[in-house]
Amino acid sequence: MSQKFADLINTAKIVPLKKQNKISHTKKPATKTPQHNQKSVTATNFNYFVDTDSLSQVDTDSDYKQDGLQNKTFKKLKQGKIPAEVELDLHGQTANEAYQSLAVFLNQASEHHIKTIRIIHGKGFGSHKNKPVLKPLVRQYLQRYDNVLSYCSAPINQGGSGATLVLLKS
């Protein structure tokens, strides 16, 4: 493991997945200010107020695959055959906290050439009216992020619809 990657793990609370069937979760969002590389999200609106009403219009059941990505690779991601290198757990965070955590996490993952990540957002059972808030927020953000090649719901044994697997450009 490179020193840069070890520093990333220590400073951003990113936990590498263990080879066992156990998954470690972190509760605190990363606080480092990201250097943005998104199409429509800029550093000036980083302290963005998340409009949860607009999130209800995001299709949380559809997957995303960028043109040019091989169907075989996308199928492997959907089946969970491409292991996640790191994960981010957004449980217990507000929409604004999750937005900031996600921005920092994606930028750091890209900077360190991490290719596959898992974002745990839950199914929304603890949210107002038991409707998901974090899942549509994650999906909306991923659609705007340049380095995302594809994303899909994780297989059942990796979190099911309560987690999203993401394939990033290398």
N, C-alpha and C. Protein backbone atom coordinates (compact mmCIF):
# COMPACT_ATOMS: atom_id res chain seq x y z
N MET A 1 0.85 -1.16 0.00
CA MET A 1 0.00 0.00 0.00
C MET A 1 0.90 1.23 0.00
N SER A 2 0.62 2.17 -0.89
CA SER A 2 1.45 3.37 -0.99
C SER A 2 1.21 4.27 0.22
N GLN A 3 2.18 5.13 0.49
CA GLN A 3 2.07 6.06 1.61
C GLN A 3 0.92 7.03 1.38
N LYS A 4 0.73 7.48 0.11
CA LYS A 4 -0.36 8.39 -0.20
C LYS A 4 -1.71 7.77 0.14
N PHE A 5 -1.87 6.50 -0.23
CA PHE A 5 -3.13 5.82 0.03
C PHE A 5 -3.33 5.62 1.53
N ALA A 6 -2.25 5.29 2.25
CA ALA A 6 -2.34 5.13 3.70
C ALA A 6 -2.74 6.46 4.35
N ASP A 7 -2.20 7.58 3.86
CA ASP A 7 -2.57 8.90 4.38
C ASP A 7 -4.04 9.19 4.09
N LEU A 8 -4.50 8.81 2.90
CA LEU A 8 -5.90 9.00 2.55
C LEU A 8 -6.81 8.26 3.53
N ILE A 9 -6.46 7.04 3.82
CA ILE A 9 -7.27 6.24 4.73
C ILE A 9 -7.32 6.89 6.10
N ASN A 10 -6.19 7.38 6.58
CA ASN A 10 -6.13 7.98 7.91
C ASN A 10 -6.84 9.32 7.98
N THR A 11 -6.73 10.16 6.95
CA THR A 11 -7.31 11.49 7.02
C THR A 11 -8.77 11.53 6.62
N ALA A 12 -9.22 10.68 5.75
CA ALA A 12 -10.59 10.76 5.24
C ALA A 12 -11.52 9.73 5.85
N LYS A 13 -11.03 8.97 6.79
CA LYS A 13 -11.85 7.94 7.43
C LYS A 13 -12.35 6.93 6.42
N ILE A 14 -11.56 6.68 5.38
CA ILE A 14 -11.89 5.67 4.39
C ILE A 14 -11.29 4.36 4.87
N VAL A 15 -12.10 3.33 4.94
CA VAL A 15 -11.66 2.06 5.46
C VAL A 15 -11.59 1.04 4.33
N PRO A 16 -10.40 0.49 4.06
CA PRO A 16 -10.33 -0.55 3.02
C PRO A 16 -11.16 -1.76 3.45
N LEU A 17 -11.79 -2.40 2.51
CA LEU A 17 -12.58 -3.57 2.82
C LEU A 17 -11.67 -4.73 3.21
N LYS A 18 -12.10 -5.46 4.20
CA LYS A 18 -11.34 -6.62 4.63
C LYS A 18 -11.67 -7.79 3.71
N LYS A 19 -10.82 -8.77 3.69
CA LYS A 19 -11.04 -9.93 2.83
C LYS A 19 -12.14 -10.84 3.39
N GLN A 20 -12.56 -10.57 4.63
CA GLN A 20 -13.61 -11.37 5.26
C GLN A 20 -14.97 -10.86 4.80
N ASN A 21 -16.01 -11.42 5.33
CA ASN A 21 -17.36 -11.00 4.99
C ASN A 21 -17.84 -9.85 5.85
N LYS A 22 -16.96 -9.27 6.66
CA LYS A 22 -17.35 -8.16 7.53
C LYS A 22 -17.06 -6.85 6.83
N ILE A 23 -17.92 -5.87 7.09
CA ILE A 23 -17.74 -4.54 6.53
C ILE A 23 -17.63 -3.56 7.68
N SER A 24 -16.59 -2.73 7.66
CA SER A 24 -16.41 -1.70 8.68
C SER A 24 -17.16 -0.45 8.25
N HIS A 25 -17.82 0.20 9.20
CA HIS A 25 -18.55 1.42 8.92
C HIS A 25 -17.95 2.57 9.71
N THR A 26 -17.88 3.73 9.10
CA THR A 26 -17.46 4.93 9.81
C THR A 26 -18.67 5.85 9.90
N LYS A 27 -18.74 6.62 10.96
CA LYS A 27 -19.90 7.49 11.17
C LYS A 27 -19.63 8.95 10.82
N LYS A 28 -18.38 9.42 10.98
CA LYS A 28 -18.06 10.82 10.79
C LYS A 28 -17.77 11.11 9.32
N PRO A 29 -18.35 12.19 8.77
CA PRO A 29 -18.02 12.56 7.40
C PRO A 29 -16.62 13.15 7.33
N ALA A 30 -15.97 13.00 6.19
CA ALA A 30 -14.66 13.61 5.99
C ALA A 30 -14.84 15.12 5.96
N THR A 31 -13.84 15.87 6.44
CA THR A 31 -13.98 17.31 6.53
C THR A 31 -13.06 18.06 5.59
N LYS A 32 -12.21 17.37 4.85
CA LYS A 32 -11.30 18.04 3.93
C LYS A 32 -12.08 18.66 2.78
N THR A 33 -11.77 19.90 2.42
CA THR A 33 -12.44 20.57 1.32
C THR A 33 -12.00 19.95 0.01
N PRO A 34 -12.96 19.50 -0.81
CA PRO A 34 -12.59 18.82 -2.05
C PRO A 34 -12.19 19.80 -3.14
N GLN A 35 -11.44 19.30 -4.11
CA GLN A 35 -11.19 20.03 -5.34
C GLN A 35 -12.15 19.42 -6.34
N HIS A 36 -13.16 20.18 -6.71
CA HIS A 36 -14.24 19.64 -7.52
C HIS A 36 -13.85 19.41 -8.97
N ASN A 37 -14.46 18.36 -9.53
CA ASN A 37 -14.22 18.00 -10.92
C ASN A 37 -15.55 17.58 -11.55
N GLN A 38 -16.64 18.25 -11.16
CA GLN A 38 -17.96 17.88 -11.64
C GLN A 38 -18.43 18.81 -12.74
N LYS A 39 -19.41 18.34 -13.49
CA LYS A 39 -19.99 19.13 -14.55
C LYS A 39 -20.74 20.34 -14.00
N SER A 40 -21.61 20.12 -12.99
CA SER A 40 -22.46 21.20 -12.54
C SER A 40 -22.33 21.49 -11.05
N VAL A 41 -21.41 20.86 -10.37
CA VAL A 41 -21.21 21.12 -8.95
C VAL A 41 -19.86 21.80 -8.82
N THR A 42 -19.84 22.98 -8.26
CA THR A 42 -18.59 23.72 -8.14
C THR A 42 -18.29 24.03 -6.70
N ALA A 43 -17.08 24.47 -6.44
CA ALA A 43 -16.66 24.80 -5.08
C ALA A 43 -17.52 25.92 -4.50
N THR A 44 -18.06 26.80 -5.35
CA THR A 44 -18.86 27.91 -4.85
C THR A 44 -20.19 27.46 -4.27
N ASN A 45 -20.70 26.32 -4.71
CA ASN A 45 -21.95 25.84 -4.13
C ASN A 45 -21.75 24.56 -3.32
N PHE A 46 -20.55 24.42 -2.76
CA PHE A 46 -20.27 23.24 -1.95
C PHE A 46 -21.16 23.20 -0.70
N ASN A 47 -21.41 24.33 -0.08
CA ASN A 47 -22.31 24.38 1.07
C ASN A 47 -23.74 24.51 0.56
N TYR A 48 -24.06 23.66 -0.32
CA TYR A 48 -25.30 23.59 -1.07
C TYR A 48 -26.43 23.14 -0.15
N PHE A 49 -27.57 23.80 -0.27
CA PHE A 49 -28.75 23.36 0.46
C PHE A 49 -29.46 22.33 -0.40
N VAL A 50 -29.61 21.14 0.12
CA VAL A 50 -30.22 20.07 -0.64
C VAL A 50 -31.74 20.19 -0.55
N ASP A 51 -32.38 20.32 -1.70
CA ASP A 51 -33.83 20.39 -1.78
C ASP A 51 -34.36 18.97 -1.86
N THR A 52 -34.84 18.46 -0.74
CA THR A 52 -35.27 17.07 -0.69
C THR A 52 -36.52 16.82 -1.53
N ASP A 53 -37.29 17.85 -1.84
CA ASP A 53 -38.45 17.67 -2.71
C ASP A 53 -38.03 17.31 -4.13
N SER A 54 -36.95 17.94 -4.62
CA SER A 54 -36.48 17.63 -5.98
C SER A 54 -35.87 16.23 -6.05
N LEU A 55 -35.38 15.72 -4.91
CA LEU A 55 -34.79 14.39 -4.89
C LEU A 55 -35.83 13.31 -5.10
N SER A 56 -37.07 13.59 -4.73
CA SER A 56 -38.11 12.57 -4.89
C SER A 56 -38.39 12.29 -6.37
N GLN A 57 -37.93 13.17 -7.26
CA GLN A 57 -38.15 12.98 -8.69
C GLN A 57 -37.03 12.16 -9.34
N VAL A 58 -35.95 11.89 -8.60
CA VAL A 58 -34.83 11.12 -9.14
C VAL A 58 -35.21 9.64 -9.16
N ASP A 59 -34.97 8.99 -10.28
CA ASP A 59 -35.27 7.57 -10.42
C ASP A 59 -34.19 6.77 -9.69
N THR A 60 -34.55 6.19 -8.56
CA THR A 60 -33.57 5.48 -7.75
C THR A 60 -33.45 4.01 -8.14
N ASP A 61 -34.30 3.54 -9.03
CA ASP A 61 -34.24 2.14 -9.42
C ASP A 61 -33.41 1.90 -10.67
N SER A 62 -33.13 2.96 -11.42
CA SER A 62 -32.38 2.77 -12.66
C SER A 62 -30.88 2.80 -12.41
N ASP A 63 -30.17 2.07 -13.23
CA ASP A 63 -28.72 2.04 -13.19
C ASP A 63 -28.19 3.00 -14.24
N TYR A 64 -26.91 3.30 -14.16
CA TYR A 64 -26.29 4.22 -15.11
C TYR A 64 -25.05 3.59 -15.69
N LYS A 65 -24.92 3.67 -17.01
CA LYS A 65 -23.73 3.18 -17.70
C LYS A 65 -23.37 4.19 -18.76
N GLN A 66 -22.15 4.71 -18.67
CA GLN A 66 -21.67 5.68 -19.64
C GLN A 66 -21.43 4.99 -20.98
N ASP A 67 -21.69 5.70 -22.06
CA ASP A 67 -21.40 5.15 -23.39
C ASP A 67 -19.93 4.79 -23.48
N GLY A 68 -19.65 3.66 -24.09
CA GLY A 68 -18.26 3.22 -24.25
C GLY A 68 -17.83 2.19 -23.23
N LEU A 69 -18.55 2.09 -22.11
CA LEU A 69 -18.22 1.07 -21.12
C LEU A 69 -18.75 -0.27 -21.64
N GLN A 70 -17.92 -1.28 -21.59
CA GLN A 70 -18.33 -2.59 -22.10
C GLN A 70 -19.48 -3.16 -21.26
N ASN A 71 -20.44 -3.76 -21.95
CA ASN A 71 -21.58 -4.38 -21.26
C ASN A 71 -21.12 -5.46 -20.29
N LYS A 72 -20.07 -6.20 -20.67
CA LYS A 72 -19.54 -7.27 -19.82
C LYS A 72 -19.03 -6.70 -18.49
N THR A 73 -18.34 -5.57 -18.53
CA THR A 73 -17.83 -4.92 -17.32
C THR A 73 -18.99 -4.45 -16.45
N PHE A 74 -20.00 -3.85 -17.08
CA PHE A 74 -21.16 -3.36 -16.34
C PHE A 74 -21.91 -4.52 -15.67
N LYS A 75 -22.03 -5.62 -16.37
CA LYS A 75 -22.70 -6.81 -15.83
C LYS A 75 -21.95 -7.33 -14.61
N LYS A 76 -20.61 -7.35 -14.69
CA LYS A 76 -19.80 -7.79 -13.55
C LYS A 76 -20.00 -6.88 -12.34
N LEU A 77 -20.09 -5.57 -12.58
CA LEU A 77 -20.32 -4.62 -11.48
C LEU A 77 -21.67 -4.93 -10.83
N LYS A 78 -22.72 -5.11 -11.64
CA LYS A 78 -24.06 -5.38 -11.11
C LYS A 78 -24.11 -6.69 -10.31
N GLN A 79 -23.31 -7.66 -10.72
CA GLN A 79 -23.28 -8.96 -10.03
C GLN A 79 -22.39 -8.93 -8.79
N GLY A 80 -21.68 -7.83 -8.58
CA GLY A 80 -20.78 -7.73 -7.43
C GLY A 80 -19.48 -8.47 -7.64
N LYS A 81 -19.14 -8.77 -8.88
CA LYS A 81 -17.91 -9.50 -9.17
C LYS A 81 -16.69 -8.60 -9.27
N ILE A 82 -16.91 -7.29 -9.28
CA ILE A 82 -15.80 -6.33 -9.21
C ILE A 82 -15.83 -5.80 -7.77
N PRO A 83 -14.87 -6.21 -6.94
CA PRO A 83 -14.93 -5.83 -5.53
C PRO A 83 -14.70 -4.34 -5.30
N ALA A 84 -15.43 -3.79 -4.35
CA ALA A 84 -15.24 -2.39 -3.98
C ALA A 84 -13.92 -2.27 -3.21
N GLU A 85 -13.14 -1.26 -3.58
CA GLU A 85 -11.86 -1.04 -2.90
C GLU A 85 -12.05 -0.28 -1.60
N VAL A 86 -12.98 0.67 -1.59
CA VAL A 86 -13.30 1.45 -0.39
C VAL A 86 -14.80 1.70 -0.37
N GLU A 87 -15.30 2.11 0.80
CA GLU A 87 -16.73 2.41 0.90
C GLU A 87 -16.95 3.63 1.76
N LEU A 88 -18.11 4.22 1.58
CA LEU A 88 -18.55 5.37 2.36
C LEU A 88 -19.92 5.04 2.93
N ASP A 89 -20.05 5.18 4.25
CA ASP A 89 -21.33 4.91 4.91
C ASP A 89 -21.96 6.25 5.27
N LEU A 90 -23.13 6.54 4.71
CA LEU A 90 -23.82 7.80 4.94
C LEU A 90 -24.93 7.69 5.97
N HIS A 91 -25.11 6.52 6.58
CA HIS A 91 -26.16 6.35 7.59
C HIS A 91 -26.08 7.43 8.67
N GLY A 92 -27.23 7.97 9.03
CA GLY A 92 -27.30 8.92 10.13
C GLY A 92 -26.93 10.34 9.75
N GLN A 93 -26.56 10.59 8.50
CA GLN A 93 -26.20 11.94 8.08
C GLN A 93 -27.41 12.64 7.49
N THR A 94 -27.42 13.96 7.63
CA THR A 94 -28.45 14.75 6.95
C THR A 94 -28.09 14.79 5.47
N ALA A 95 -29.01 15.28 4.67
CA ALA A 95 -28.75 15.37 3.23
C ALA A 95 -27.55 16.27 2.95
N ASN A 96 -27.44 17.40 3.65
CA ASN A 96 -26.31 18.31 3.43
C ASN A 96 -24.99 17.68 3.87
N GLU A 97 -24.98 16.98 4.99
CA GLU A 97 -23.76 16.30 5.45
C GLU A 97 -23.37 15.21 4.45
N ALA A 98 -24.35 14.47 3.97
CA ALA A 98 -24.08 13.40 3.01
C ALA A 98 -23.53 13.97 1.71
N TYR A 99 -24.07 15.09 1.28
CA TYR A 99 -23.61 15.74 0.06
C TYR A 99 -22.13 16.11 0.18
N GLN A 100 -21.76 16.69 1.31
CA GLN A 100 -20.36 17.08 1.54
C GLN A 100 -19.46 15.85 1.64
N SER A 101 -19.89 14.84 2.37
CA SER A 101 -19.11 13.62 2.51
C SER A 101 -18.88 12.96 1.15
N LEU A 102 -19.92 12.92 0.35
CA LEU A 102 -19.84 12.31 -0.97
C LEU A 102 -18.88 13.07 -1.88
N ALA A 103 -18.93 14.39 -1.85
CA ALA A 103 -18.03 15.20 -2.67
C ALA A 103 -16.57 14.94 -2.31
N VAL A 104 -16.27 14.95 -1.02
CA VAL A 104 -14.90 14.71 -0.56
C VAL A 104 -14.46 13.29 -0.93
N PHE A 105 -15.32 12.34 -0.67
CA PHE A 105 -15.00 10.92 -0.90
C PHE A 105 -14.70 10.65 -2.37
N LEU A 106 -15.56 11.12 -3.27
CA LEU A 106 -15.36 10.87 -4.70
C LEU A 106 -14.09 11.54 -5.22
N ASN A 107 -13.84 12.75 -4.78
CA ASN A 107 -12.63 13.43 -5.23
C ASN A 107 -11.38 12.73 -4.74
N GLN A 108 -11.37 12.30 -3.50
CA GLN A 108 -10.19 11.61 -2.97
C GLN A 108 -10.01 10.24 -3.62
N ALA A 109 -11.10 9.56 -3.87
CA ALA A 109 -11.01 8.26 -4.55
C ALA A 109 -10.43 8.44 -5.95
N SER A 110 -10.87 9.47 -6.66
CA SER A 110 -10.34 9.73 -8.00
C SER A 110 -8.87 10.12 -7.96
N GLU A 111 -8.50 10.96 -7.00
CA GLU A 111 -7.11 11.39 -6.87
C GLU A 111 -6.18 10.20 -6.60
N HIS A 112 -6.68 9.19 -5.92
CA HIS A 112 -5.86 8.03 -5.57
C HIS A 112 -6.10 6.85 -6.49
N HIS A 113 -6.72 7.11 -7.62
CA HIS A 113 -6.93 6.11 -8.68
C HIS A 113 -7.67 4.87 -8.20
N ILE A 114 -8.61 5.08 -7.31
CA ILE A 114 -9.47 3.99 -6.85
C ILE A 114 -10.55 3.81 -7.91
N LYS A 115 -10.77 2.58 -8.29
CA LYS A 115 -11.65 2.31 -9.43
C LYS A 115 -13.08 1.94 -9.03
N THR A 116 -13.24 1.19 -7.96
CA THR A 116 -14.58 0.73 -7.57
C THR A 116 -14.85 1.09 -6.11
N ILE A 117 -16.01 1.71 -5.87
CA ILE A 117 -16.39 2.11 -4.52
C ILE A 117 -17.82 1.65 -4.23
N ARG A 118 -18.12 1.56 -2.93
CA ARG A 118 -19.48 1.26 -2.50
C ARG A 118 -19.93 2.41 -1.60
N ILE A 119 -21.11 2.92 -1.87
CA ILE A 119 -21.69 3.99 -1.06
C ILE A 119 -22.92 3.40 -0.38
N ILE A 120 -22.89 3.39 0.93
CA ILE A 120 -24.02 2.86 1.70
C ILE A 120 -24.90 4.04 2.11
N HIS A 121 -26.13 4.04 1.62
CA HIS A 121 -27.05 5.15 1.89
C HIS A 121 -28.29 4.69 2.63
N GLY A 122 -28.51 3.42 2.72
CA GLY A 122 -29.71 2.90 3.37
C GLY A 122 -30.90 2.94 2.44
N LYS A 123 -32.02 2.45 2.95
CA LYS A 123 -33.24 2.37 2.14
C LYS A 123 -34.24 3.45 2.50
N GLY A 124 -33.95 4.24 3.51
CA GLY A 124 -34.83 5.35 3.87
C GLY A 124 -35.89 5.01 4.90
N PHE A 125 -35.79 3.85 5.54
CA PHE A 125 -36.82 3.46 6.50
C PHE A 125 -36.84 4.37 7.73
N GLY A 126 -35.73 5.04 8.02
CA GLY A 126 -35.69 5.95 9.17
C GLY A 126 -35.98 7.39 8.79
N SER A 127 -36.28 7.65 7.54
CA SER A 127 -36.52 9.00 7.05
C SER A 127 -37.97 9.40 7.23
N HIS A 128 -38.21 10.69 7.00
CA HIS A 128 -39.57 11.22 7.07
C HIS A 128 -40.46 10.48 6.07
N LYS A 129 -41.57 9.96 6.53
CA LYS A 129 -42.53 9.20 5.72
C LYS A 129 -41.92 7.94 5.11
N ASN A 130 -40.83 7.45 5.69
CA ASN A 130 -40.14 6.25 5.22
C ASN A 130 -39.77 6.32 3.74
N LYS A 131 -39.52 7.53 3.25
CA LYS A 131 -39.10 7.70 1.86
C LYS A 131 -37.60 7.96 1.85
N PRO A 132 -36.89 7.35 0.90
CA PRO A 132 -35.44 7.55 0.86
C PRO A 132 -35.07 9.00 0.52
N VAL A 133 -34.04 9.49 1.20
CA VAL A 133 -33.51 10.82 0.93
C VAL A 133 -32.09 10.70 0.39
N LEU A 134 -31.29 9.86 1.04
CA LEU A 134 -29.88 9.77 0.67
C LEU A 134 -29.66 9.03 -0.66
N LYS A 135 -30.46 8.02 -0.93
CA LYS A 135 -30.27 7.28 -2.18
C LYS A 135 -30.47 8.18 -3.41
N PRO A 136 -31.57 8.94 -3.50
CA PRO A 136 -31.70 9.82 -4.65
C PRO A 136 -30.64 10.92 -4.69
N LEU A 137 -30.21 11.37 -3.51
CA LEU A 137 -29.14 12.37 -3.46
C LEU A 137 -27.86 11.80 -4.05
N VAL A 138 -27.52 10.58 -3.67
CA VAL A 138 -26.32 9.92 -4.18
C VAL A 138 -26.43 9.74 -5.69
N ARG A 139 -27.57 9.26 -6.17
CA ARG A 139 -27.76 9.02 -7.60
C ARG A 139 -27.67 10.32 -8.39
N GLN A 140 -28.29 11.37 -7.88
CA GLN A 140 -28.26 12.67 -8.55
C GLN A 140 -26.83 13.20 -8.63
N TYR A 141 -26.09 13.07 -7.54
CA TYR A 141 -24.71 13.56 -7.50
C TYR A 141 -23.83 12.75 -8.46
N LEU A 142 -23.99 11.44 -8.47
CA LEU A 142 -23.18 10.58 -9.34
C LEU A 142 -23.42 10.90 -10.82
N GLN A 143 -24.64 11.27 -11.18
CA GLN A 143 -24.94 11.61 -12.57
C GLN A 143 -24.20 12.86 -13.01
N ARG A 144 -23.84 13.72 -12.07
CA ARG A 144 -23.17 14.98 -12.40
C ARG A 144 -21.65 14.89 -12.33
N TYR A 145 -21.14 13.83 -11.79
CA TYR A 145 -19.70 13.70 -11.54
C TYR A 145 -19.01 13.11 -12.76
N ASP A 146 -18.04 13.83 -13.31
CA ASP A 146 -17.38 13.44 -14.57
C ASP A 146 -16.71 12.07 -14.52
N ASN A 147 -16.15 11.69 -13.39
CA ASN A 147 -15.34 10.47 -13.31
C ASN A 147 -16.14 9.19 -13.12
N VAL A 148 -17.46 9.27 -13.09
CA VAL A 148 -18.29 8.08 -12.91
C VAL A 148 -18.55 7.42 -14.26
N LEU A 149 -18.11 6.17 -14.38
CA LEU A 149 -18.39 5.39 -15.59
C LEU A 149 -19.74 4.71 -15.50
N SER A 150 -20.07 4.20 -14.30
CA SER A 150 -21.36 3.54 -14.11
C SER A 150 -21.65 3.40 -12.62
N TYR A 151 -22.92 3.17 -12.33
CA TYR A 151 -23.33 2.83 -10.97
C TYR A 151 -24.57 1.96 -11.03
N CYS A 152 -24.76 1.21 -9.96
CA CYS A 152 -25.93 0.33 -9.86
C CYS A 152 -26.14 -0.02 -8.39
N SER A 153 -27.31 -0.54 -8.09
CA SER A 153 -27.55 -1.04 -6.74
C SER A 153 -26.66 -2.25 -6.51
N ALA A 154 -26.21 -2.39 -5.28
CA ALA A 154 -25.34 -3.51 -4.93
C ALA A 154 -26.15 -4.80 -4.90
N PRO A 155 -25.48 -5.94 -5.10
CA PRO A 155 -26.18 -7.22 -4.93
C PRO A 155 -26.65 -7.35 -3.47
N ILE A 156 -27.59 -8.23 -3.23
CA ILE A 156 -28.17 -8.42 -1.90
C ILE A 156 -27.09 -8.64 -0.83
N ASN A 157 -26.08 -9.45 -1.13
CA ASN A 157 -25.06 -9.77 -0.13
C ASN A 157 -24.09 -8.60 0.13
N GLN A 158 -24.24 -7.50 -0.62
CA GLN A 158 -23.38 -6.33 -0.42
C GLN A 158 -24.19 -5.08 -0.06
N GLY A 159 -25.44 -5.27 0.33
CA GLY A 159 -26.26 -4.14 0.76
C GLY A 159 -27.53 -3.94 -0.04
N GLY A 160 -27.65 -4.63 -1.15
CA GLY A 160 -28.87 -4.55 -1.95
C GLY A 160 -29.19 -3.12 -2.35
N SER A 161 -30.47 -2.76 -2.30
CA SER A 161 -30.88 -1.42 -2.71
C SER A 161 -30.50 -0.35 -1.70
N GLY A 162 -29.89 -0.75 -0.60
CA GLY A 162 -29.42 0.21 0.40
C GLY A 162 -27.99 0.64 0.17
N ALA A 163 -27.38 0.19 -0.94
CA ALA A 163 -26.00 0.54 -1.27
C ALA A 163 -25.89 0.67 -2.78
N THR A 164 -24.95 1.51 -3.20
CA THR A 164 -24.70 1.71 -4.63
C THR A 164 -23.24 1.41 -4.92
N LEU A 165 -23.02 0.58 -5.94
CA LEU A 165 -21.66 0.31 -6.41
C LEU A 165 -21.36 1.28 -7.54
N VAL A 166 -20.14 1.84 -7.52
CA VAL A 166 -19.76 2.85 -8.50
C VAL A 166 -18.43 2.46 -9.14
N LEU A 167 -18.38 2.54 -10.45
CA LEU A 167 -17.15 2.31 -11.20
C LEU A 167 -16.66 3.67 -11.68
N LEU A 168 -15.43 4.02 -11.28
CA LEU A 168 -14.83 5.32 -11.64
C LEU A 168 -13.83 5.17 -12.76
N LYS A 169 -13.59 6.25 -13.48
CA LYS A 169 -12.53 6.25 -14.49
C LYS A 169 -11.21 6.10 -13.78
N SER A 170 -10.27 5.39 -14.44
CA SER A 170 -8.97 5.21 -13.80
C SER A 170 -8.02 6.32 -14.19
